[in-house]
Amino acid sequence: HQITEDVEAKLMERYSPVRVIIHVEPPSYQENHISFG
């Protein structure tokens, strides 16, 4: 939770006003696609 709060704070500092929704996943999860497509 604290890590996601830190990410949100960084994004808000850069792009405010912004609303951020983060889905947290465990360290074992693997995914190579940064975004859709």
Full PDB file with SEQRES, HELIX, SHEET, SSBOND, CRYST1, ORIGX, SCALE, CONECT and MASTER records, all heavy atoms in Angstrom:
SEQRES   1 A   37  HIS GLN ILE THR GLU ASP VAL GLU ALA LYS LEU MET GLU          
SEQRES   2 A   37  ARG TYR SER PRO VAL ARG VAL ILE ILE HIS VAL GLU PRO          
SEQRES   3 A   37  PRO SER TYR GLN GLU ASN HIS ILE SER PHE GLY                  
HELIX    1 AA1 GLN A    2  TYR A   15  1                                  14    
CRYST1    1.000    1.000    1.000  90.00  90.00  90.00 P 1           1          
ORIGX1      1.000000  0.000000  0.000000        0.00000                         
ORIGX2      0.000000  1.000000  0.000000        0.00000                         
ORIGX3      0.000000  0.000000  1.000000        0.00000                         
SCALE1      1.000000  0.000000  0.000000        0.00000                         
SCALE2      0.000000  1.000000  0.000000        0.00000                         
SCALE3      0.000000  0.000000  1.000000        0.00000                         
ATOM      1  N   HIS A   1       0.826  -1.211   0.000  1.00  0.00           N  
ATOM      2  CA  HIS A   1       0.000   0.000   0.000  1.00  0.00           C  
ATOM      3  C   HIS A   1       0.859   1.259   0.000  1.00  0.00           C  
ATOM      4  O   HIS A   1       0.586   2.221  -0.728  1.00  0.00           O  
ATOM      5  CB  HIS A   1      -0.924  -0.017   1.219  1.00  0.00           C  
ATOM      6  CG  HIS A   1      -1.694   1.259   1.395  1.00  0.00           C  
ATOM      7  ND1 HIS A   1      -2.735   1.625   0.584  1.00  0.00           N  
ATOM      8  CD2 HIS A   1      -1.540   2.281   2.294  1.00  0.00           C  
ATOM      9  CE1 HIS A   1      -3.209   2.795   0.972  1.00  0.00           C  
ATOM     10  NE2 HIS A   1      -2.498   3.213   2.004  1.00  0.00           N  
ATOM     11  N   GLN A   2       1.921   1.264   0.792  1.00  0.00           N  
ATOM     12  CA  GLN A   2       2.791   2.434   0.864  1.00  0.00           C  
ATOM     13  C   GLN A   2       3.500   2.680  -0.469  1.00  0.00           C  
ATOM     14  O   GLN A   2       3.678   3.826  -0.901  1.00  0.00           O  
ATOM     15  CB  GLN A   2       3.828   2.253   1.972  1.00  0.00           C  
ATOM     16  CG  GLN A   2       4.706   3.475   2.204  1.00  0.00           C  
ATOM     17  CD  GLN A   2       3.895   4.726   2.501  1.00  0.00           C  
ATOM     18  OE1 GLN A   2       3.083   4.722   3.422  1.00  0.00           O  
ATOM     19  NE2 GLN A   2       4.109   5.794   1.730  1.00  0.00           N  
ATOM     20  N   ILE A   3       3.896   1.591  -1.141  1.00  0.00           N  
ATOM     21  CA  ILE A   3       4.551   1.732  -2.454  1.00  0.00           C  
ATOM     22  C   ILE A   3       3.592   2.363  -3.456  1.00  0.00           C  
ATOM     23  O   ILE A   3       3.971   3.271  -4.221  1.00  0.00           O  
ATOM     24  CB  ILE A   3       5.044   0.360  -2.961  1.00  0.00           C  
ATOM     25  CG1 ILE A   3       6.185  -0.152  -2.064  1.00  0.00           C  
ATOM     26  CG2 ILE A   3       5.532   0.461  -4.412  1.00  0.00           C  
ATOM     27  CD1 ILE A   3       6.599  -1.583  -2.360  1.00  0.00           C  
ATOM     28  N   THR A   4       2.347   1.907  -3.456  1.00  0.00           N  
ATOM     29  CA  THR A   4       1.359   2.488  -4.386  1.00  0.00           C  
ATOM     30  C   THR A   4       1.092   3.958  -4.054  1.00  0.00           C  
ATOM     31  O   THR A   4       0.895   4.775  -4.955  1.00  0.00           O  
ATOM     32  CB  THR A   4       0.036   1.702  -4.360  1.00  0.00           C  
ATOM     33  OG1 THR A   4      -0.536   1.757  -3.048  1.00  0.00           O  
ATOM     34  CG2 THR A   4       0.244   0.257  -4.766  1.00  0.00           C  
ATOM     35  N   GLU A   5       1.093   4.292  -2.766  1.00  0.00           N  
ATOM     36  CA  GLU A   5       0.915   5.694  -2.367  1.00  0.00           C  
ATOM     37  C   GLU A   5       2.065   6.552  -2.903  1.00  0.00           C  
ATOM     38  O   GLU A   5       1.853   7.682  -3.358  1.00  0.00           O  
ATOM     39  CB  GLU A   5       0.870   5.799  -0.836  1.00  0.00           C  
ATOM     40  CG  GLU A   5      -0.390   5.244  -0.204  1.00  0.00           C  
ATOM     41  CD  GLU A   5      -1.581   6.163  -0.394  1.00  0.00           C  
ATOM     42  OE1 GLU A   5      -1.465   7.361  -0.085  1.00  0.00           O  
ATOM     43  OE2 GLU A   5      -2.628   5.673  -0.871  1.00  0.00           O  
ATOM     44  N   ASP A   6       3.274   6.007  -2.854  1.00  0.00           N  
ATOM     45  CA  ASP A   6       4.436   6.735  -3.367  1.00  0.00           C  
ATOM     46  C   ASP A   6       4.336   6.938  -4.880  1.00  0.00           C  
ATOM     47  O   ASP A   6       4.695   8.008  -5.399  1.00  0.00           O  
ATOM     48  CB  ASP A   6       5.722   5.979  -3.024  1.00  0.00           C  
ATOM     49  CG  ASP A   6       6.003   5.954  -1.523  1.00  0.00           C  
ATOM     50  OD1 ASP A   6       5.411   6.780  -0.803  1.00  0.00           O  
ATOM     51  OD2 ASP A   6       6.796   5.092  -1.083  1.00  0.00           O  
ATOM     52  N   VAL A   7       3.859   5.907  -5.592  1.00  0.00           N  
ATOM     53  CA  VAL A   7       3.686   6.025  -7.046  1.00  0.00           C  
ATOM     54  C   VAL A   7       2.638   7.086  -7.358  1.00  0.00           C  
ATOM     55  O   VAL A   7       2.817   7.936  -8.243  1.00  0.00           O  
ATOM     56  CB  VAL A   7       3.290   4.664  -7.657  1.00  0.00           C  
ATOM     57  CG1 VAL A   7       2.909   4.840  -9.131  1.00  0.00           C  
ATOM     58  CG2 VAL A   7       4.430   3.661  -7.526  1.00  0.00           C  
ATOM     59  N   GLU A   8       1.517   7.052  -6.638  1.00  0.00           N  
ATOM     60  CA  GLU A   8       0.461   8.042  -6.849  1.00  0.00           C  
ATOM     61  C   GLU A   8       0.976   9.458  -6.596  1.00  0.00           C  
ATOM     62  O   GLU A   8       0.666  10.384  -7.352  1.00  0.00           O  
ATOM     63  CB  GLU A   8      -0.723   7.748  -5.923  1.00  0.00           C  
ATOM     64  CG  GLU A   8      -1.528   6.523  -6.317  1.00  0.00           C  
ATOM     65  CD  GLU A   8      -2.704   6.289  -5.384  1.00  0.00           C  
ATOM     66  OE1 GLU A   8      -2.996   7.182  -4.559  1.00  0.00           O  
ATOM     67  OE2 GLU A   8      -3.325   5.217  -5.465  1.00  0.00           O  
ATOM     68  N   ALA A   9       1.755   9.616  -5.530  1.00  0.00           N  
ATOM     69  CA  ALA A   9       2.288  10.943  -5.210  1.00  0.00           C  
ATOM     70  C   ALA A   9       3.190  11.465  -6.329  1.00  0.00           C  
ATOM     71  O   ALA A   9       3.133  12.653  -6.684  1.00  0.00           O  
ATOM     72  CB  ALA A   9       3.053  10.882  -3.891  1.00  0.00           C  
ATOM     73  N   LYS A  10       4.018  10.581  -6.891  1.00  0.00           N  
ATOM     74  CA  LYS A  10       4.906  10.978  -7.996  1.00  0.00           C  
ATOM     75  C   LYS A  10       4.094  11.408  -9.221  1.00  0.00           C  
ATOM     76  O   LYS A  10       4.423  12.408  -9.885  1.00  0.00           O  
ATOM     77  CB  LYS A  10       5.809   9.805  -8.365  1.00  0.00           C  
ATOM     78  CG  LYS A  10       6.951   9.555  -7.394  1.00  0.00           C  
ATOM     79  CD  LYS A  10       8.218  10.259  -7.868  1.00  0.00           C  
ATOM     80  CE  LYS A  10       9.416   9.833  -7.052  1.00  0.00           C  
ATOM     81  NZ  LYS A  10      10.655  10.496  -7.523  1.00  0.00           N  
ATOM     82  N   LEU A  11       3.063  10.639  -9.533  1.00  0.00           N  
ATOM     83  CA  LEU A  11       2.235  10.953 -10.698  1.00  0.00           C  
ATOM     84  C   LEU A  11       1.452  12.242 -10.482  1.00  0.00           C  
ATOM     85  O   LEU A  11       1.282  13.043 -11.407  1.00  0.00           O  
ATOM     86  CB  LEU A  11       1.285   9.792 -11.003  1.00  0.00           C  
ATOM     87  CG  LEU A  11       1.964   8.515 -11.519  1.00  0.00           C  
ATOM     88  CD1 LEU A  11       0.976   7.353 -11.553  1.00  0.00           C  
ATOM     89  CD2 LEU A  11       2.544   8.740 -12.915  1.00  0.00           C  
ATOM     90  N   MET A  12       0.958  12.445  -9.257  1.00  0.00           N  
ATOM     91  CA  MET A  12       0.224  13.681  -8.965  1.00  0.00           C  
ATOM     92  C   MET A  12       1.136  14.892  -9.042  1.00  0.00           C  
ATOM     93  O   MET A  12       0.738  15.959  -9.502  1.00  0.00           O  
ATOM     94  CB  MET A  12      -0.418  13.585  -7.579  1.00  0.00           C  
ATOM     95  CG  MET A  12      -1.595  12.627  -7.511  1.00  0.00           C  
ATOM     96  SD  MET A  12      -2.295  12.518  -5.843  1.00  0.00           S  
ATOM     97  CE  MET A  12      -3.585  11.281  -6.115  1.00  0.00           C  
ATOM     98  N   GLU A  13       2.369  14.721  -8.587  1.00  0.00           N  
ATOM     99  CA  GLU A  13       3.338  15.815  -8.661  1.00  0.00           C  
ATOM    100  C   GLU A  13       3.623  16.216 -10.109  1.00  0.00           C  
ATOM    101  O   GLU A  13       3.792  17.391 -10.424  1.00  0.00           O  
ATOM    102  CB  GLU A  13       4.633  15.386  -7.977  1.00  0.00           C  
ATOM    103  CG  GLU A  13       5.724  16.444  -7.988  1.00  0.00           C  
ATOM    104  CD  GLU A  13       7.017  15.950  -7.369  1.00  0.00           C  
ATOM    105  OE1 GLU A  13       7.045  14.811  -6.862  1.00  0.00           O  
ATOM    106  OE2 GLU A  13       8.009  16.697  -7.402  1.00  0.00           O  
ATOM    107  N   ARG A  14       3.621  15.234 -10.994  1.00  0.00           N  
ATOM    108  CA  ARG A  14       3.956  15.489 -12.397  1.00  0.00           C  
ATOM    109  C   ARG A  14       2.748  15.917 -13.224  1.00  0.00           C  
ATOM    110  O   ARG A  14       2.869  16.781 -14.095  1.00  0.00           O  
ATOM    111  CB  ARG A  14       4.585  14.219 -12.996  1.00  0.00           C  
ATOM    112  CG  ARG A  14       4.904  14.306 -14.481  1.00  0.00           C  
ATOM    113  CD  ARG A  14       5.976  15.342 -14.755  1.00  0.00           C  
ATOM    114  NE  ARG A  14       6.293  15.412 -16.152  1.00  0.00           N  
ATOM    115  CZ  ARG A  14       5.604  16.115 -17.053  1.00  0.00           C  
ATOM    116  NH1 ARG A  14       4.549  16.829 -16.663  1.00  0.00           N  
ATOM    117  NH2 ARG A  14       5.966  16.143 -18.314  1.00  0.00           N  
ATOM    118  N   TYR A  15       1.551  15.331 -12.963  1.00  0.00           N  
ATOM    119  CA  TYR A  15       0.419  15.529 -13.870  1.00  0.00           C  
ATOM    120  C   TYR A  15      -0.827  16.105 -13.206  1.00  0.00           C  
ATOM    121  O   TYR A  15      -1.893  16.080 -13.795  1.00  0.00           O  
ATOM    122  CB  TYR A  15       0.047  14.194 -14.535  1.00  0.00           C  
ATOM    123  CG  TYR A  15       1.143  13.606 -15.377  1.00  0.00           C  
ATOM    124  CD1 TYR A  15       1.767  12.418 -15.006  1.00  0.00           C  
ATOM    125  CD2 TYR A  15       1.566  14.231 -16.545  1.00  0.00           C  
ATOM    126  CE1 TYR A  15       2.780  11.859 -15.780  1.00  0.00           C  
ATOM    127  CE2 TYR A  15       2.577  13.688 -17.324  1.00  0.00           C  
ATOM    128  CZ  TYR A  15       3.172  12.505 -16.940  1.00  0.00           C  
ATOM    129  OH  TYR A  15       4.174  11.959 -17.705  1.00  0.00           O  
ATOM    130  N   SER A  16      -0.724  16.638 -12.005  1.00  0.00           N  
ATOM    131  CA  SER A  16      -1.895  17.152 -11.293  1.00  0.00           C  
ATOM    132  C   SER A  16      -2.663  18.190 -12.124  1.00  0.00           C  
ATOM    133  O   SER A  16      -2.038  18.992 -12.833  1.00  0.00           O  
ATOM    134  CB  SER A  16      -1.445  17.778  -9.975  1.00  0.00           C  
ATOM    135  OG  SER A  16      -2.542  18.229  -9.233  1.00  0.00           O  
ATOM    136  N   PRO A  17      -4.030  18.173 -12.028  1.00  0.00           N  
ATOM    137  CA  PRO A  17      -4.868  17.273 -11.247  1.00  0.00           C  
ATOM    138  C   PRO A  17      -5.052  15.917 -11.939  1.00  0.00           C  
ATOM    139  O   PRO A  17      -5.322  15.868 -13.136  1.00  0.00           O  
ATOM    140  CB  PRO A  17      -6.201  18.024 -11.163  1.00  0.00           C  
ATOM    141  CG  PRO A  17      -6.248  18.854 -12.403  1.00  0.00           C  
ATOM    142  CD  PRO A  17      -4.819  19.235 -12.709  1.00  0.00           C  
ATOM    143  N   VAL A  18      -4.892  14.838 -11.166  1.00  0.00           N  
ATOM    144  CA  VAL A  18      -4.982  13.497 -11.742  1.00  0.00           C  
ATOM    145  C   VAL A  18      -5.572  12.539 -10.710  1.00  0.00           C  
ATOM    146  O   VAL A  18      -5.343  12.696  -9.507  1.00  0.00           O  
ATOM    147  CB  VAL A  18      -3.585  13.019 -12.208  1.00  0.00           C  
ATOM    148  CG1 VAL A  18      -2.615  12.952 -11.036  1.00  0.00           C  
ATOM    149  CG2 VAL A  18      -3.655  11.674 -12.913  1.00  0.00           C  
ATOM    150  N   ARG A  19      -6.340  11.569 -11.183  1.00  0.00           N  
ATOM    151  CA  ARG A  19      -6.839  10.487 -10.343  1.00  0.00           C  
ATOM    152  C   ARG A  19      -6.187   9.196 -10.821  1.00  0.00           C  
ATOM    153  O   ARG A  19      -6.223   8.879 -12.012  1.00  0.00           O  
ATOM    154  CB  ARG A  19      -8.361  10.379 -10.418  1.00  0.00           C  
ATOM    155  CG  ARG A  19      -9.073  11.487  -9.655  1.00  0.00           C  
ATOM    156  CD  ARG A  19     -10.567  11.470  -9.891  1.00  0.00           C  
ATOM    157  NE  ARG A  19     -11.166  10.209  -9.483  1.00  0.00           N  
ATOM    158  CZ  ARG A  19     -12.469   9.946  -9.601  1.00  0.00           C  
ATOM    159  NH1 ARG A  19     -13.277  10.857 -10.126  1.00  0.00           N  
ATOM    160  NH2 ARG A  19     -12.963   8.792  -9.214  1.00  0.00           N  
ATOM    161  N   VAL A  20      -5.596   8.450  -9.876  1.00  0.00           N  
ATOM    162  CA  VAL A  20      -4.824   7.251 -10.212  1.00  0.00           C  
ATOM    163  C   VAL A  20      -5.473   6.024  -9.570  1.00  0.00           C  
ATOM    164  O   VAL A  20      -5.782   6.036  -8.376  1.00  0.00           O  
ATOM    165  CB  VAL A  20      -3.364   7.375  -9.735  1.00  0.00           C  
ATOM    166  CG1 VAL A  20      -2.555   6.159 -10.195  1.00  0.00           C  
ATOM    167  CG2 VAL A  20      -2.736   8.669 -10.234  1.00  0.00           C  
ATOM    168  N   ILE A  21      -5.663   4.994 -10.367  1.00  0.00           N  
ATOM    169  CA  ILE A  21      -6.156   3.707  -9.876  1.00  0.00           C  
ATOM    170  C   ILE A  21      -5.074   2.667 -10.140  1.00  0.00           C  
ATOM    171  O   ILE A  21      -4.654   2.478 -11.289  1.00  0.00           O  
ATOM    172  CB  ILE A  21      -7.462   3.295 -10.566  1.00  0.00           C  
ATOM    173  CG1 ILE A  21      -8.563   4.325 -10.276  1.00  0.00           C  
ATOM    174  CG2 ILE A  21      -7.902   1.900 -10.096  1.00  0.00           C  
ATOM    175  CD1 ILE A  21      -9.861   4.048 -11.019  1.00  0.00           C  
ATOM    176  N   ILE A  22      -4.620   1.987  -9.068  1.00  0.00           N  
ATOM    177  CA  ILE A  22      -3.528   1.019  -9.183  1.00  0.00           C  
ATOM    178  C   ILE A  22      -3.989  -0.351  -8.694  1.00  0.00           C  
ATOM    179  O   ILE A  22      -4.519  -0.480  -7.586  1.00  0.00           O  
ATOM    180  CB  ILE A  22      -2.296   1.472  -8.368  1.00  0.00           C  
ATOM    181  CG1 ILE A  22      -1.778   2.812  -8.908  1.00  0.00           C  
ATOM    182  CG2 ILE A  22      -1.193   0.411  -8.431  1.00  0.00           C  
ATOM    183  CD1 ILE A  22      -0.593   3.366  -8.123  1.00  0.00           C  
ATOM    184  N   HIS A  23      -3.795  -1.343  -9.542  1.00  0.00           N  
ATOM    185  CA  HIS A  23      -4.055  -2.742  -9.168  1.00  0.00           C  
ATOM    186  C   HIS A  23      -2.717  -3.382  -8.796  1.00  0.00           C  
ATOM    187  O   HIS A  23      -1.815  -3.485  -9.619  1.00  0.00           O  
ATOM    188  CB  HIS A  23      -4.699  -3.502 -10.335  1.00  0.00           C  
ATOM    189  CG  HIS A  23      -4.953  -4.937 -10.055  1.00  0.00           C  
ATOM    190  ND1 HIS A  23      -6.014  -5.378  -9.299  1.00  0.00           N  
ATOM    191  CD2 HIS A  23      -4.270  -6.050 -10.420  1.00  0.00           C  
ATOM    192  CE1 HIS A  23      -5.985  -6.694  -9.224  1.00  0.00           C  
ATOM    193  NE2 HIS A  23      -4.933  -7.129  -9.887  1.00  0.00           N  
ATOM    194  N   VAL A  24      -2.594  -3.788  -7.529  1.00  0.00           N  
ATOM    195  CA  VAL A  24      -1.329  -4.325  -7.026  1.00  0.00           C  
ATOM    196  C   VAL A  24      -1.230  -5.821  -7.298  1.00  0.00           C  
ATOM    197  O   VAL A  24      -2.201  -6.566  -7.115  1.00  0.00           O  
ATOM    198  CB  VAL A  24      -1.192  -4.060  -5.510  1.00  0.00           C  
ATOM    199  CG1 VAL A  24       0.124  -4.632  -4.992  1.00  0.00           C  
ATOM    200  CG2 VAL A  24      -1.275  -2.570  -5.224  1.00  0.00           C  
ATOM    201  N   GLU A  25      -0.019  -6.255  -7.718  1.00  0.00           N  
ATOM    202  CA  GLU A  25       0.223  -7.665  -7.997  1.00  0.00           C  
ATOM    203  C   GLU A  25       1.497  -8.130  -7.274  1.00  0.00           C  
ATOM    204  O   GLU A  25       2.389  -7.313  -7.003  1.00  0.00           O  
ATOM    205  CB  GLU A  25       0.342  -7.883  -9.509  1.00  0.00           C  
ATOM    206  CG  GLU A  25      -1.001  -7.657 -10.202  1.00  0.00           C  
ATOM    207  CD  GLU A  25      -0.896  -7.599 -11.719  1.00  0.00           C  
ATOM    208  OE1 GLU A  25       0.202  -7.312 -12.221  1.00  0.00           O  
ATOM    209  OE2 GLU A  25      -1.914  -7.805 -12.377  1.00  0.00           O  
ATOM    210  N   PRO A  26       1.576  -9.419  -6.947  1.00  0.00           N  
ATOM    211  CA  PRO A  26       2.717  -9.944  -6.180  1.00  0.00           C  
ATOM    212  C   PRO A  26       3.994  -9.997  -7.016  1.00  0.00           C  
ATOM    213  O   PRO A  26       3.949  -9.917  -8.247  1.00  0.00           O  
ATOM    214  CB  PRO A  26       2.250 -11.354  -5.802  1.00  0.00           C  
ATOM    215  CG  PRO A  26       1.300 -11.734  -6.886  1.00  0.00           C  
ATOM    216  CD  PRO A  26       0.583 -10.463  -7.260  1.00  0.00           C  
ATOM    217  N   PRO A  27       5.154 -10.178  -6.368  1.00  0.00           N  
ATOM    218  CA  PRO A  27       6.434 -10.170  -7.086  1.00  0.00           C  
ATOM    219  C   PRO A  27       6.588 -11.281  -8.109  1.00  0.00           C  
ATOM    220  O   PRO A  27       7.389 -11.164  -9.040  1.00  0.00           O  
ATOM    221  CB  PRO A  27       7.476 -10.296  -5.977  1.00  0.00           C  
ATOM    222  CG  PRO A  27       6.747 -10.520  -4.716  1.00  0.00           C  
ATOM    223  CD  PRO A  27       5.310 -10.250  -4.922  1.00  0.00           C  
ATOM    224  N   SER A  28       5.809 -12.368  -7.958  1.00  0.00           N  
ATOM    225  CA  SER A  28       5.933 -13.493  -8.888  1.00  0.00           C  
ATOM    226  C   SER A  28       5.210 -13.251 -10.214  1.00  0.00           C  
ATOM    227  O   SER A  28       5.397 -13.996 -11.177  1.00  0.00           O  
ATOM    228  CB  SER A  28       5.367 -14.772  -8.241  1.00  0.00           C  
ATOM    229  OG  SER A  28       4.001 -14.582  -7.888  1.00  0.00           O  
ATOM    230  N   TYR A  29       4.395 -12.203 -10.297  1.00  0.00           N  
ATOM    231  CA  TYR A  29       3.604 -11.964 -11.508  1.00  0.00           C  
ATOM    232  C   TYR A  29       4.503 -11.473 -12.638  1.00  0.00           C  
ATOM    233  O   TYR A  29       5.382 -10.625 -12.427  1.00  0.00           O  
ATOM    234  CB  TYR A  29       2.513 -10.931 -11.235  1.00  0.00           C  
ATOM    235  CG  TYR A  29       1.485 -10.838 -12.340  1.00  0.00           C  
ATOM    236  CD1 TYR A  29       0.352 -11.648 -12.333  1.00  0.00           C  
ATOM    237  CD2 TYR A  29       1.663  -9.949 -13.404  1.00  0.00           C  
ATOM    238  CE1 TYR A  29      -0.587 -11.566 -13.356  1.00  0.00           C  
ATOM    239  CE2 TYR A  29       0.732  -9.869 -14.433  1.00  0.00           C  
ATOM    240  CZ  TYR A  29      -0.390 -10.682 -14.395  1.00  0.00           C  
ATOM    241  OH  TYR A  29      -1.314 -10.607 -15.411  1.00  0.00           O  
ATOM    242  N   GLN A  30       4.275 -11.988 -13.843  1.00  0.00           N  
ATOM    243  CA  GLN A  30       5.081 -11.629 -15.018  1.00  0.00           C  
ATOM    244  C   GLN A  30       4.192 -11.036 -16.110  1.00  0.00           C  
ATOM    245  O   GLN A  30       3.143 -11.610 -16.432  1.00  0.00           O  
ATOM    246  CB  GLN A  30       5.816 -12.862 -15.567  1.00  0.00           C  
ATOM    247  CG  GLN A  30       6.779 -13.508 -14.588  1.00  0.00           C  
ATOM    248  CD  GLN A  30       7.964 -12.605 -14.290  1.00  0.00           C  
ATOM    249  OE1 GLN A  30       8.457 -11.900 -15.177  1.00  0.00           O  
ATOM    250  NE2 GLN A  30       8.426 -12.626 -13.044  1.00  0.00           N  
ATOM    251  N   GLU A  31       4.588  -9.921 -16.659  1.00  0.00           N  
ATOM    252  CA  GLU A  31       3.846  -9.281 -17.763  1.00  0.00           C  
ATOM    253  C   GLU A  31       4.787  -8.329 -18.479  1.00  0.00           C  
ATOM    254  O   GLU A  31       5.442  -7.491 -17.844  1.00  0.00           O  
ATOM    255  CB  GLU A  31       2.637  -8.520 -17.221  1.00  0.00           C  
ATOM    256  CG  GLU A  31       1.881  -7.744 -18.284  1.00  0.00           C  
ATOM    257  CD  GLU A  31       1.311  -8.618 -19.386  1.00  0.00           C  
ATOM    258  OE1 GLU A  31       0.502  -9.522 -19.076  1.00  0.00           O  
ATOM    259  OE2 GLU A  31       1.708  -8.412 -20.556  1.00  0.00           O  
ATOM    260  N   ASN A  32       4.862  -8.447 -19.812  1.00  0.00           N  
ATOM    261  CA  ASN A  32       5.801  -7.649 -20.597  1.00  0.00           C  
ATOM    262  C   ASN A  32       5.161  -6.447 -21.291  1.00  0.00           C  
ATOM    263  O   ASN A  32       5.867  -5.572 -21.792  1.00  0.00           O  
ATOM    264  CB  ASN A  32       6.488  -8.516 -21.651  1.00  0.00           C  
ATOM    265  CG  ASN A  32       7.353  -9.594 -21.006  1.00  0.00           C  
ATOM    266  OD1 ASN A  32       8.002  -9.335 -19.994  1.00  0.00           O  
ATOM    267  ND2 ASN A  32       7.346 -10.794 -21.584  1.00  0.00           N  
ATOM    268  N   HIS A  33       3.833  -6.405 -21.347  1.00  0.00           N  
ATOM    269  CA  HIS A  33       3.162  -5.335 -22.092  1.00  0.00           C  
ATOM    270  C   HIS A  33       2.960  -4.116 -21.195  1.00  0.00           C  
ATOM    271  O   HIS A  33       2.226  -4.177 -20.193  1.00  0.00           O  
ATOM    272  CB  HIS A  33       1.824  -5.823 -22.625  1.00  0.00           C  
ATOM    273  CG  HIS A  33       1.936  -6.882 -23.664  1.00  0.00           C  
ATOM    274  ND1 HIS A  33       2.370  -6.652 -24.947  1.00  0.00           N  
ATOM    275  CD2 HIS A  33       1.703  -8.223 -23.598  1.00  0.00           C  
ATOM    276  CE1 HIS A  33       2.401  -7.782 -25.642  1.00  0.00           C  
ATOM    277  NE2 HIS A  33       1.995  -8.751 -24.848  1.00  0.00           N  
ATOM    278  N   ILE A  34       3.601  -3.024 -21.538  1.00  0.00           N  
ATOM    279  CA  ILE A  34       3.462  -1.794 -20.756  1.00  0.00           C  
ATOM    280  C   ILE A  34       2.023  -1.289 -20.820  1.00  0.00           C  
ATOM    281  O   ILE A  34       1.432  -0.896 -19.812  1.00  0.00           O  
ATOM    282  CB  ILE A  34       4.419  -0.703 -21.270  1.00  0.00           C  
ATOM    283  CG1 ILE A  34       5.868  -1.108 -20.995  1.00  0.00           C  
ATOM    284  CG2 ILE A  34       4.133   0.630 -20.596  1.00  0.00           C  
ATOM    285  CD1 ILE A  34       6.879  -0.111 -21.508  1.00  0.00           C  
ATOM    286  N   SER A  35       1.466  -1.284 -22.019  1.00  0.00           N  
ATOM    287  CA  SER A  35       0.107  -0.789 -22.196  1.00  0.00           C  
ATOM    288  C   SER A  35      -0.612  -1.637 -23.225  1.00  0.00           C  
ATOM    289  O   SER A  35      -0.060  -2.610 -23.748  1.00  0.00           O  
ATOM    290  CB  SER A  35       0.138   0.683 -22.640  1.00  0.00           C  
ATOM    291  OG  SER A  35      -1.162   1.228 -22.691  1.00  0.00           O  
ATOM    292  N   PHE A  36      -1.838  -1.296 -23.506  1.00  0.00           N  
ATOM    293  CA  PHE A  36      -2.636  -2.059 -24.459  1.00  0.00           C  
ATOM    294  C   PHE A  36      -2.112  -1.825 -25.866  1.00  0.00           C  
ATOM    295  O   PHE A  36      -2.025  -0.698 -26.341  1.00  0.00           O  
ATOM    296  CB  PHE A  36      -4.100  -1.631 -24.361  1.00  0.00           C  
ATOM    297  CG  PHE A  36      -4.665  -1.819 -22.963  1.00  0.00           C  
ATOM    298  CD1 PHE A  36      -4.659  -0.775 -22.076  1.00  0.00           C  
ATOM    299  CD2 PHE A  36      -5.137  -3.053 -22.559  1.00  0.00           C  
ATOM    300  CE1 PHE A  36      -5.158  -0.941 -20.777  1.00  0.00           C  
ATOM    301  CE2 PHE A  36      -5.619  -3.243 -21.271  1.00  0.00           C  
ATOM    302  CZ  PHE A  36      -5.638  -2.179 -20.380  1.00  0.00           C  
ATOM    303  N   GLY A  37      -1.750  -2.915 -26.532  1.00  0.00           N  
ATOM    304  CA  GLY A  37      -1.206  -2.827 -27.882  1.00  0.00           C  
ATOM    305  C   GLY A  37       0.258  -2.438 -27.908  1.00  0.00           C  
ATOM    306  O   GLY A  37       0.825  -2.231 -28.972  1.00  0.00           O  
TER     307      GLY A  37                                                      
MASTER        0    0    0    1    0    0    0    6  306    1    0    3          
END                                                                             
